[in-house]
Amino acid sequence: MSHILFNTIDWTGIEKVEYPGITGTAIWQTIQFDGLRIRVVEYSAGYLADHWCQKGHIVHCLEGDFVTELETGEKTKLTKGMTYVVSDEMSSHRSVSANGVKLLIVDGDFLKT
């Protein structure tokens, strides 16, 4: 990962890209640096991710709530102000949002195992 000079991000000017889930949609706003990705992601009410993810993330709940399901069957509910952290290849996980949620998600090379 390269060194990053001081930056500010005005999320109101970042393009919103929609991704369908099995149900519902995810809307991503993404900033990409060398080896680092920062996103604001909104899941609609009724969202269920369309895949089990192996990528590492730092996920911080900005608004609402959601459940992270592990492929092992474990479920963890996160609400506004809560964060989870996982490294690459450390779990298969996916997101479910009954009521909609807004997240800040950071991932990159520093989470590789």
Protein backbone atom coordinates (compact mmCIF):
# COMPACT_ATOMS: atom_id res chain seq x y z
CA MET A 1 0.00 0.00 0.00
CA SER A 2 1.38 3.40 -0.93
CA HIS A 3 1.47 6.41 1.35
CA ILE A 4 -1.62 8.59 1.07
CA LEU A 5 -1.41 12.36 1.34
CA PHE A 6 -4.05 14.24 3.33
CA ASN A 7 -7.42 13.93 1.60
CA THR A 8 -10.98 14.89 2.30
CA ILE A 9 -13.88 13.01 0.74
CA ASP A 10 -17.13 14.74 -0.14
CA TRP A 11 -19.42 11.73 -0.45
CA THR A 12 -22.14 13.86 -2.05
CA GLY A 13 -20.00 14.01 -5.19
CA ILE A 14 -19.15 10.29 -5.38
CA GLU A 15 -21.08 8.22 -7.94
CA LYS A 16 -23.64 5.75 -6.57
CA VAL A 17 -23.54 2.30 -8.16
CA GLU A 18 -26.35 -0.19 -7.54
CA TYR A 19 -25.74 -3.93 -7.06
CA PRO A 20 -28.62 -6.39 -6.73
CA GLY A 21 -28.67 -8.86 -3.86
CA ILE A 22 -30.63 -12.09 -3.82
CA THR A 23 -33.30 -9.73 -2.51
CA GLY A 24 -33.03 -5.95 -2.25
CA THR A 25 -30.16 -3.79 -3.46
CA ALA A 26 -26.83 -2.43 -2.32
CA ILE A 27 -25.73 1.05 -3.35
CA TRP A 28 -21.97 1.65 -3.24
CA GLN A 29 -20.00 4.88 -3.29
CA THR A 30 -16.34 3.94 -3.66
CA ILE A 31 -12.97 5.65 -3.30
CA GLN A 32 -9.97 3.58 -4.41
CA PHE A 33 -6.35 4.17 -3.43
CA ASP A 34 -3.43 1.84 -4.14
CA GLY A 35 -4.16 -1.14 -1.89
CA LEU A 36 -7.04 0.57 -0.04
CA ARG A 37 -10.75 0.82 -0.79
CA ILE A 38 -13.18 3.00 1.19
CA ARG A 39 -16.92 2.74 0.61
CA VAL A 40 -20.19 4.08 1.89
CA VAL A 41 -22.68 1.28 1.28
CA GLU A 42 -26.43 1.37 1.74
CA TYR A 43 -28.48 -1.82 1.83
CA SER A 44 -32.20 -1.51 1.11
CA ALA A 45 -34.85 -2.97 3.36
CA GLY A 46 -35.08 -6.69 2.67
CA TYR A 47 -31.47 -6.97 1.44
CA LEU A 48 -29.73 -10.35 1.32
CA ALA A 49 -26.22 -10.50 -0.18
CA ASP A 50 -25.90 -12.63 -3.30
CA HIS A 51 -22.66 -14.35 -2.17
CA TRP A 52 -20.61 -15.53 0.79
CA CYS A 53 -17.65 -13.15 1.06
CA GLN A 54 -14.11 -14.19 2.01
CA LYS A 55 -12.64 -10.67 1.82
CA GLY A 56 -11.48 -8.85 4.93
CA HIS A 57 -13.28 -5.68 5.97
CA ILE A 58 -13.68 -3.08 8.63
CA VAL A 59 -17.42 -2.42 8.65
CA HIS A 60 -18.87 0.45 10.69
CA CYS A 61 -22.63 0.94 10.96
CA LEU A 62 -23.52 4.59 10.36
CA GLU A 63 -27.32 4.30 10.39
CA GLY A 64 -29.82 1.50 10.91
CA ASP A 65 -28.93 -2.10 11.64
CA PHE A 66 -28.05 -5.33 9.88
CA VAL A 67 -27.04 -8.91 10.53
CA THR A 68 -23.80 -10.50 9.45
CA GLU A 69 -24.24 -14.21 8.91
CA LEU A 70 -21.29 -16.58 8.95
CA GLU A 71 -21.43 -19.67 6.76
CA THR A 72 -21.09 -21.68 10.01
CA GLY A 73 -24.56 -20.44 11.01
CA GLU A 74 -23.47 -17.81 13.55
CA LYS A 75 -25.31 -14.47 13.27
CA THR A 76 -24.23 -11.10 14.66
CA LYS A 77 -26.46 -8.03 14.71
CA LEU A 78 -24.76 -4.65 14.34
CA THR A 79 -26.50 -1.37 15.08
CA LYS A 80 -25.55 2.28 14.68
CA GLY A 81 -22.11 2.92 16.17
CA MET A 82 -20.95 -0.73 16.06
CA THR A 83 -18.06 -2.11 13.98
CA TYR A 84 -16.76 -5.50 12.95
CA VAL A 85 -13.30 -6.40 11.67
CA VAL A 86 -12.20 -9.55 9.82
CA SER A 87 -9.11 -10.40 7.75
CA ASP A 88 -9.15 -11.96 4.29
CA GLU A 89 -9.96 -15.70 4.20
CA MET A 90 -10.83 -15.80 7.94
CA SER A 91 -14.58 -16.43 7.52
CA SER A 92 -17.30 -16.73 4.93
CA HIS A 93 -19.79 -13.98 5.72
CA ARG A 94 -22.72 -12.16 4.16
CA SER A 95 -25.00 -9.28 5.09
CA VAL A 96 -28.75 -9.24 5.69
CA SER A 97 -30.75 -6.08 6.33
CA ALA A 98 -34.42 -6.24 7.22
CA ASN A 99 -34.95 -2.49 7.54
CA GLY A 100 -32.09 -0.92 5.56
CA VAL A 101 -28.68 0.25 6.75
CA LYS A 102 -25.85 2.66 5.88
CA LEU A 103 -22.27 1.45 6.39
CA LEU A 104 -18.71 2.71 6.09
CA ILE A 105 -16.56 -0.15 4.80
CA VAL A 106 -12.76 -0.13 4.59
CA ASP A 107 -10.76 -2.95 3.06
CA GLY A 108 -7.40 -3.44 1.44
CA ASP A 109 -4.02 -5.10 1.43
CA PHE A 110 -3.52 -4.57 5.18
CA LEU A 111 -6.19 -7.24 5.83
CA LYS A 112 -4.50 -9.97 3.77
CA THR A 113 -3.50 -13.08 5.67
